């Protein structure tokens, strides 16, 4: 891809992210104003903290599963001798065989 194409794709992705985050921000601000009006800002804060906690929990679980798969592959390949042929085409089956 040419430099001009990479710049164009980068700008389009940036504009998309900007509009997405702006939309989420407007929704959050509108919800905050409504909960503030009915004097239940602590409920909205609890909702936001719960969403944040669930997001962090899911990201940690995803990272843990990646680390486990990587360590499983590392152990399997560290046991192989240098002159052995390791079939790269069959790598997913080698990793997932013992799951």
N, C-alpha and C. Protein backbone atom coordinates (compact mmCIF):
# COMPACT_ATOMS: atom_id res chain seq x y z
N UNK A 1 0.84 -1.17 0.00
CA UNK A 1 0.00 0.00 0.00
C UNK A 1 0.89 1.24 0.00
N UNK A 2 0.51 2.21 -0.76
CA UNK A 2 1.32 3.42 -0.86
C UNK A 2 1.19 4.26 0.41
N UNK A 3 2.07 5.22 0.54
CA UNK A 3 2.05 6.09 1.72
C UNK A 3 0.75 6.87 1.78
N UNK A 4 0.31 7.33 0.63
CA UNK A 4 -0.94 8.10 0.57
C UNK A 4 -2.13 7.25 1.01
N UNK A 5 -2.15 5.98 0.61
CA UNK A 5 -3.22 5.08 1.01
C UNK A 5 -3.20 4.81 2.51
N UNK A 6 -2.00 4.64 3.09
CA UNK A 6 -1.91 4.43 4.53
C UNK A 6 -2.39 5.65 5.30
N UNK A 7 -2.04 6.83 4.82
CA UNK A 7 -2.49 8.05 5.48
C UNK A 7 -4.00 8.17 5.40
N UNK A 8 -4.57 7.87 4.24
CA UNK A 8 -6.02 7.94 4.06
C UNK A 8 -6.73 6.97 5.00
N UNK A 9 -6.25 5.73 5.07
CA UNK A 9 -6.85 4.75 5.96
C UNK A 9 -6.72 5.20 7.41
N UNK A 10 -5.58 5.74 7.79
CA UNK A 10 -5.38 6.23 9.15
C UNK A 10 -6.33 7.36 9.50
N UNK A 11 -6.52 8.29 8.56
CA UNK A 11 -7.44 9.40 8.80
C UNK A 11 -8.87 8.89 8.92
N UNK A 12 -9.27 7.96 8.06
CA UNK A 12 -10.63 7.42 8.13
C UNK A 12 -10.88 6.67 9.43
N UNK A 13 -9.90 5.88 9.88
CA UNK A 13 -10.04 5.18 11.15
C UNK A 13 -10.11 6.18 12.30
N UNK A 14 -9.29 7.22 12.25
CA UNK A 14 -9.32 8.25 13.29
C UNK A 14 -10.65 8.97 13.35
N UNK A 15 -11.22 9.33 12.19
CA UNK A 15 -12.52 10.00 12.16
C UNK A 15 -13.60 9.07 12.69
N UNK A 16 -13.55 7.80 12.31
CA UNK A 16 -14.53 6.84 12.81
C UNK A 16 -14.46 6.72 14.33
N UNK A 17 -13.24 6.59 14.88
CA UNK A 17 -13.08 6.51 16.32
C UNK A 17 -13.54 7.79 17.01
N UNK A 18 -13.25 8.93 16.42
CA UNK A 18 -13.67 10.21 16.99
C UNK A 18 -15.19 10.28 17.09
N UNK A 19 -15.89 9.95 16.02
CA UNK A 19 -17.35 10.01 16.04
C UNK A 19 -17.94 8.96 16.99
N UNK A 20 -17.34 7.79 17.05
CA UNK A 20 -17.83 6.76 17.97
C UNK A 20 -17.68 7.21 19.42
N UNK A 21 -16.49 7.70 19.77
CA UNK A 21 -16.27 8.17 21.14
C UNK A 21 -17.11 9.40 21.45
N UNK A 22 -17.31 10.26 20.48
CA UNK A 22 -18.15 11.43 20.69
C UNK A 22 -19.60 11.01 20.96
N UNK A 23 -20.09 10.04 20.23
CA UNK A 23 -21.44 9.54 20.46
C UNK A 23 -21.59 8.92 21.84
N UNK A 24 -20.61 8.11 22.25
CA UNK A 24 -20.65 7.53 23.59
C UNK A 24 -20.58 8.61 24.66
N UNK A 25 -19.76 9.60 24.43
CA UNK A 25 -19.63 10.69 25.40
C UNK A 25 -20.92 11.49 25.54
N UNK A 26 -21.59 11.74 24.43
CA UNK A 26 -22.86 12.47 24.47
C UNK A 26 -23.91 11.65 25.22
N UNK A 27 -23.97 10.36 24.96
CA UNK A 27 -24.91 9.49 25.67
C UNK A 27 -24.63 9.48 27.17
N UNK A 28 -23.36 9.37 27.54
CA UNK A 28 -23.00 9.33 28.96
C UNK A 28 -23.35 10.66 29.63
N UNK A 29 -23.08 11.76 28.96
CA UNK A 29 -23.38 13.07 29.53
C UNK A 29 -24.89 13.27 29.68
N UNK A 30 -25.65 12.84 28.70
CA UNK A 30 -27.11 12.94 28.79
C UNK A 30 -27.64 12.09 29.96
N UNK A 31 -27.13 10.88 30.11
CA UNK A 31 -27.54 10.04 31.23
C UNK A 31 -27.15 10.68 32.56
N UNK A 32 -25.95 11.25 32.61
CA UNK A 32 -25.52 11.92 33.84
C UNK A 32 -26.46 13.07 34.19
N UNK A 33 -26.83 13.87 33.20
CA UNK A 33 -27.75 14.99 33.46
C UNK A 33 -29.09 14.49 33.98
N UNK A 34 -29.60 13.39 33.41
CA UNK A 34 -30.89 12.88 33.85
C UNK A 34 -30.80 12.34 35.27
N UNK A 35 -29.77 11.53 35.55
CA UNK A 35 -29.63 11.00 36.91
C UNK A 35 -29.38 12.11 37.92
N UNK A 36 -28.70 13.17 37.52
CA UNK A 36 -28.48 14.31 38.40
C UNK A 36 -29.80 15.03 38.68
N UNK A 37 -30.65 15.12 37.68
CA UNK A 37 -31.93 15.79 37.83
C UNK A 37 -32.85 15.07 38.83
N UNK A 38 -32.81 13.76 38.84
CA UNK A 38 -33.65 12.99 39.76
C UNK A 38 -32.90 12.60 41.04
N UNK A 39 -31.72 13.20 41.26
CA UNK A 39 -30.89 12.99 42.46
C UNK A 39 -30.51 11.53 42.68
N UNK A 40 -30.13 10.83 41.60
CA UNK A 40 -29.65 9.45 41.69
C UNK A 40 -28.30 9.30 40.98
N UNK A 41 -27.42 10.27 41.19
CA UNK A 41 -26.11 10.18 40.54
C UNK A 41 -25.30 8.99 41.07
N UNK A 42 -25.56 8.60 42.34
CA UNK A 42 -24.83 7.45 42.87
C UNK A 42 -25.22 6.15 42.14
N UNK A 43 -26.45 6.07 41.65
CA UNK A 43 -26.87 4.90 40.88
C UNK A 43 -26.13 4.86 39.55
N UNK A 44 -26.04 6.00 38.88
CA UNK A 44 -25.34 6.05 37.59
C UNK A 44 -23.85 5.78 37.77
N UNK A 45 -23.27 6.30 38.85
CA UNK A 45 -21.87 6.03 39.14
C UNK A 45 -21.66 4.53 39.37
N UNK A 46 -22.61 3.89 40.07
CA UNK A 46 -22.53 2.44 40.28
C UNK A 46 -22.61 1.67 38.97
N UNK A 47 -23.47 2.13 38.06
CA UNK A 47 -23.58 1.48 36.74
C UNK A 47 -22.27 1.61 35.98
N UNK A 48 -21.69 2.80 35.99
CA UNK A 48 -20.42 3.01 35.28
C UNK A 48 -19.30 2.18 35.89
N UNK A 49 -19.24 2.10 37.22
CA UNK A 49 -18.19 1.31 37.87
C UNK A 49 -18.38 -0.19 37.59
N UNK A 50 -19.62 -0.64 37.52
CA UNK A 50 -19.88 -2.05 37.20
C UNK A 50 -19.44 -2.36 35.77
N UNK A 51 -19.76 -1.47 34.84
CA UNK A 51 -19.32 -1.67 33.45
C UNK A 51 -17.81 -1.69 33.35
N UNK A 52 -17.15 -0.79 34.08
CA UNK A 52 -15.69 -0.75 34.06
C UNK A 52 -15.11 -2.03 34.65
N UNK A 53 -15.67 -2.50 35.77
CA UNK A 53 -15.18 -3.72 36.40
C UNK A 53 -15.36 -4.93 35.48
N UNK A 54 -16.50 -5.02 34.80
CA UNK A 54 -16.72 -6.13 33.87
C UNK A 54 -15.75 -6.07 32.70
N UNK A 55 -15.49 -4.88 32.19
CA UNK A 55 -14.55 -4.72 31.08
C UNK A 55 -13.15 -5.16 31.50
N UNK A 56 -12.70 -4.71 32.66
CA UNK A 56 -11.37 -5.08 33.14
C UNK A 56 -11.29 -6.59 33.38
N UNK A 57 -12.35 -7.16 33.95
CA UNK A 57 -12.38 -8.60 34.19
C UNK A 57 -12.27 -9.38 32.88
N UNK A 58 -12.99 -8.97 31.87
CA UNK A 58 -12.94 -9.68 30.59
C UNK A 58 -11.58 -9.52 29.91
N UNK A 59 -10.98 -8.34 30.01
CA UNK A 59 -9.66 -8.14 29.41
C UNK A 59 -8.61 -9.00 30.12
N UNK A 60 -8.69 -9.10 31.45
CA UNK A 60 -7.75 -9.94 32.18
C UNK A 60 -7.93 -11.42 31.83
N UNK A 61 -9.17 -11.85 31.68
CA UNK A 61 -9.43 -13.25 31.29
C UNK A 61 -8.89 -13.52 29.89
N UNK A 62 -9.06 -12.58 28.98
CA UNK A 62 -8.54 -12.74 27.62
C UNK A 62 -7.02 -12.81 27.62
N UNK A 63 -6.38 -11.93 28.40
CA UNK A 63 -4.92 -11.96 28.46
C UNK A 63 -4.42 -13.25 29.10
N UNK A 64 -5.12 -13.73 30.14
CA UNK A 64 -4.71 -14.97 30.79
C UNK A 64 -4.80 -16.16 29.83
N UNK A 65 -5.87 -16.21 29.04
CA UNK A 65 -5.99 -17.32 28.09
C UNK A 65 -4.89 -17.25 27.03
N UNK A 66 -4.53 -16.05 26.61
CA UNK A 66 -3.43 -15.91 25.66
C UNK A 66 -2.11 -16.35 26.24
N UNK A 67 -1.87 -16.00 27.50
CA UNK A 67 -0.62 -16.41 28.16
C UNK A 67 -0.58 -17.92 28.32
N UNK A 68 -1.71 -18.52 28.67
CA UNK A 68 -1.74 -19.98 28.83
C UNK A 68 -1.47 -20.70 27.51
N UNK A 69 -2.09 -20.22 26.43
CA UNK A 69 -1.83 -20.85 25.13
C UNK A 69 -0.39 -20.67 24.71
N UNK A 70 0.15 -19.49 24.96
CA UNK A 70 1.53 -19.24 24.59
C UNK A 70 2.48 -20.12 25.40
N UNK A 71 2.24 -20.24 26.69
CA UNK A 71 3.14 -21.07 27.51
C UNK A 71 3.02 -22.53 27.12
N UNK A 72 1.83 -22.97 26.74
CA UNK A 72 1.65 -24.35 26.30
C UNK A 72 2.45 -24.60 25.02
N UNK A 73 2.44 -23.65 24.11
CA UNK A 73 3.20 -23.81 22.87
C UNK A 73 4.70 -23.74 23.16
N UNK A 74 5.11 -22.87 24.09
CA UNK A 74 6.53 -22.74 24.41
C UNK A 74 7.07 -24.02 25.00
N UNK A 75 6.32 -24.65 25.91
CA UNK A 75 6.77 -25.90 26.52
C UNK A 75 6.90 -26.99 25.47
N UNK A 76 5.93 -27.07 24.58
CA UNK A 76 5.95 -28.11 23.56
C UNK A 76 7.16 -27.95 22.65
N UNK A 77 7.47 -26.72 22.22
CA UNK A 77 8.59 -26.52 21.32
C UNK A 77 9.93 -26.55 22.02
N UNK A 78 9.97 -26.26 23.32
CA UNK A 78 11.24 -26.32 24.01
C UNK A 78 11.68 -27.77 24.22
N UNK A 79 10.74 -28.71 24.20
CA UNK A 79 11.07 -30.13 24.35
C UNK A 79 11.63 -30.72 23.05
N UNK A 80 11.38 -30.06 21.94
CA UNK A 80 11.85 -30.60 20.66
C UNK A 80 13.35 -30.38 20.52
N UNK A 81 13.99 -31.32 19.88
CA UNK A 81 15.42 -31.19 19.62
C UNK A 81 15.62 -30.26 18.43
N UNK A 82 16.78 -29.67 18.35
CA UNK A 82 17.04 -28.69 17.31
C UNK A 82 16.96 -29.29 15.91
N UNK A 83 17.36 -30.53 15.75
CA UNK A 83 17.36 -31.12 14.41
C UNK A 83 16.01 -31.73 14.04
N UNK A 84 15.04 -31.75 14.97
CA UNK A 84 13.71 -32.27 14.63
C UNK A 84 12.98 -31.27 13.75
N UNK A 85 12.19 -31.81 12.88
CA UNK A 85 11.37 -30.95 12.03
C UNK A 85 10.07 -30.62 12.76
N UNK A 86 9.77 -29.35 12.91
CA UNK A 86 8.53 -28.93 13.56
C UNK A 86 7.54 -28.53 12.47
N UNK A 87 6.43 -29.23 12.35
CA UNK A 87 5.45 -28.92 11.29
C UNK A 87 4.70 -27.62 11.59
N UNK A 88 5.07 -26.55 10.91
CA UNK A 88 4.46 -25.26 11.14
C UNK A 88 3.01 -25.26 10.64
N UNK A 89 2.71 -26.03 9.62
CA UNK A 89 1.35 -26.06 9.09
C UNK A 89 0.36 -26.66 10.09
N UNK A 90 0.86 -27.49 10.99
CA UNK A 90 0.00 -28.17 11.95
C UNK A 90 0.07 -27.52 13.34
N UNK A 91 0.52 -26.26 13.41
CA UNK A 91 0.71 -25.57 14.68
C UNK A 91 -0.58 -25.47 15.51
N UNK A 92 -1.73 -25.07 14.96
CA UNK A 92 -2.94 -25.01 15.81
C UNK A 92 -3.29 -26.35 16.43
N UNK A 93 -3.13 -27.43 15.67
CA UNK A 93 -3.44 -28.75 16.22
C UNK A 93 -2.45 -29.15 17.30
N UNK A 94 -1.18 -28.76 17.16
CA UNK A 94 -0.19 -29.06 18.18
C UNK A 94 -0.49 -28.34 19.48
N UNK A 95 -0.93 -27.11 19.38
CA UNK A 95 -1.22 -26.31 20.58
C UNK A 95 -2.50 -26.78 21.23
N UNK A 96 -3.53 -27.02 20.46
CA UNK A 96 -4.86 -27.30 21.01
C UNK A 96 -5.11 -28.79 21.26
N UNK A 97 -4.16 -29.65 20.94
CA UNK A 97 -4.39 -31.08 21.06
C UNK A 97 -4.65 -31.51 22.49
N UNK A 98 -3.98 -30.91 23.46
CA UNK A 98 -4.11 -31.34 24.85
C UNK A 98 -5.16 -30.58 25.63
N UNK A 99 -5.93 -29.73 25.00
CA UNK A 99 -6.94 -28.94 25.74
C UNK A 99 -8.09 -29.76 26.19
